[in-house]
Amino acid sequence: MTDDASLAHLEARQDTERADARRRLEAAEELLAQYRSQIDRIRDDFHQHAARQGVSDDPGFRSGFQRVSEFAEENIRSATRVIREFEEEFRSLTTQHDEERERFLVVLRQQ
């Protein structure tokens, strides 16, 4: 394999790895946005229904509604942490690729 072909192969592999990592990150962000939107809609609908039934001010309802809201918010915080981890992995992957490419070029120059 020629040096140019080897470099092209390295860069193609790195491009594929970065694209896969980017897709995973974007999919996670999209799923979180969908979850957040659905949870907000469900909470709003449920609260409106409770108001129509005259129970929205009931302490039992308010307590239960608060617990469900807190649970949903914790899920959102947890998913946000995972997305941050994906972002960090992507940055690390990019750094690793840059270093790998530089090492490859150093070896080529030495030949």
Protein backbone atom coordinates (compact mmCIF):
# COMPACT_ATOMS: atom_id res chain seq x y z
CA MET A 1 0.00 0.00 0.00
CA THR A 2 1.39 3.44 -0.84
CA ASP A 3 1.88 6.04 1.83
CA ASP A 4 -0.92 8.17 0.35
CA ALA A 5 -3.27 5.18 0.36
CA SER A 6 -2.31 4.37 3.96
CA LEU A 7 -2.99 7.96 5.00
CA ALA A 8 -6.28 7.92 3.11
CA HIS A 9 -7.23 4.67 4.84
CA LEU A 10 -6.39 6.13 8.26
CA GLU A 11 -8.38 9.29 7.57
CA ALA A 12 -11.35 7.31 6.20
CA ARG A 13 -11.43 5.13 9.32
CA GLN A 14 -11.21 8.18 11.55
CA ASP A 15 -13.97 9.94 9.61
CA THR A 16 -16.21 6.90 10.05
CA GLU A 17 -15.50 6.71 13.78
CA ARG A 18 -16.19 10.42 14.25
CA ALA A 19 -19.39 10.22 12.20
CA ASP A 20 -20.60 7.27 14.29
CA ALA A 21 -19.83 9.12 17.53
CA ARG A 22 -21.52 12.27 16.24
CA ARG A 23 -24.65 10.31 15.23
CA ARG A 24 -24.79 8.69 18.68
CA LEU A 25 -24.53 12.11 20.31
CA GLU A 26 -27.15 13.66 18.04
CA ALA A 27 -29.52 10.73 18.55
CA ALA A 28 -29.19 11.05 22.33
CA GLU A 29 -29.87 14.78 22.16
CA GLU A 30 -32.90 14.20 19.95
CA LEU A 31 -34.31 11.49 22.22
CA LEU A 32 -33.86 13.71 25.26
CA ALA A 33 -35.65 16.58 23.53
CA GLN A 34 -38.51 14.24 22.61
CA TYR A 35 -38.72 12.86 26.15
CA ARG A 36 -38.71 16.35 27.64
CA SER A 37 -41.42 17.49 25.23
CA GLN A 38 -43.62 14.48 25.94
CA ILE A 39 -43.19 14.76 29.70
CA ASP A 40 -44.03 18.47 29.62
CA ARG A 41 -47.13 17.80 27.52
CA ILE A 42 -48.27 14.94 29.76
CA ARG A 43 -47.75 16.99 32.92
CA ASP A 44 -49.66 19.93 31.44
CA ASP A 45 -52.51 17.70 30.26
CA PHE A 46 -52.69 15.88 33.57
CA HIS A 47 -52.68 19.09 35.56
CA GLN A 48 -55.41 20.59 33.35
CA HIS A 49 -57.49 17.44 33.78
CA ALA A 50 -57.01 17.63 37.57
CA ALA A 51 -58.05 21.30 37.52
CA ARG A 52 -61.21 20.45 35.55
CA GLN A 53 -61.99 17.75 38.13
CA GLY A 54 -61.37 20.22 40.94
CA VAL A 55 -58.55 18.29 42.56
CA SER A 56 -55.52 20.28 41.42
CA ASP A 57 -55.31 22.05 44.80
CA ASP A 58 -55.72 18.86 46.81
CA PRO A 59 -52.59 18.26 48.94
CA GLY A 60 -52.49 14.58 47.96
CA PHE A 61 -52.66 15.42 44.27
CA ARG A 62 -50.06 18.16 44.59
CA SER A 63 -47.70 15.87 46.50
CA GLY A 64 -48.05 13.05 43.97
CA PHE A 65 -47.75 15.43 41.04
CA GLN A 66 -44.58 16.88 42.59
CA ARG A 67 -43.06 13.40 43.03
CA VAL A 68 -43.77 12.50 39.41
CA SER A 69 -42.33 15.83 38.26
CA GLU A 70 -39.19 15.34 40.32
CA PHE A 71 -38.78 11.82 38.94
CA ALA A 72 -39.06 13.13 35.37
CA GLU A 73 -36.58 15.92 36.10
CA GLU A 74 -34.09 13.44 37.55
CA ASN A 75 -34.42 11.35 34.37
CA ILE A 76 -33.68 14.47 32.34
CA ARG A 77 -30.65 15.32 34.49
CA SER A 78 -29.39 11.76 34.17
CA ALA A 79 -29.79 11.78 30.39
CA THR A 80 -28.05 15.16 30.23
CA ARG A 81 -25.09 13.67 32.11
CA VAL A 82 -24.91 10.82 29.59
CA ILE A 83 -24.95 13.33 26.74
CA ARG A 84 -22.10 15.25 28.39
CA GLU A 85 -20.17 11.97 28.58
CA PHE A 86 -20.81 11.41 24.86
CA GLU A 87 -19.56 14.94 24.17
CA GLU A 88 -16.41 14.29 26.18
CA GLU A 89 -15.87 10.97 24.40
CA PHE A 90 -16.23 12.77 21.07
CA ARG A 91 -13.65 15.40 22.10
CA SER A 92 -11.28 12.66 23.28
CA LEU A 93 -11.78 10.72 20.07
CA THR A 94 -10.98 13.82 18.02
CA THR A 95 -7.83 14.46 20.05
CA GLN A 96 -6.81 10.81 19.71
CA HIS A 97 -7.33 10.97 15.95
CA ASP A 98 -5.28 14.15 15.64
CA GLU A 99 -2.42 12.57 17.59
CA GLU A 100 -2.65 9.34 15.60
CA ARG A 101 -2.51 11.24 12.32
CA GLU A 102 0.47 13.29 13.50
CA ARG A 103 2.35 10.14 14.54
CA PHE A 104 1.59 8.62 11.15
CA LEU A 105 2.91 11.69 9.36
CA VAL A 106 6.09 11.71 11.46
CA VAL A 107 6.75 8.10 10.48
CA LEU A 108 6.16 8.98 6.81
CA ARG A 109 8.61 11.88 6.98
CA GLN A 110 11.25 9.63 8.51
CA GLN A 111 11.04 7.13 5.66
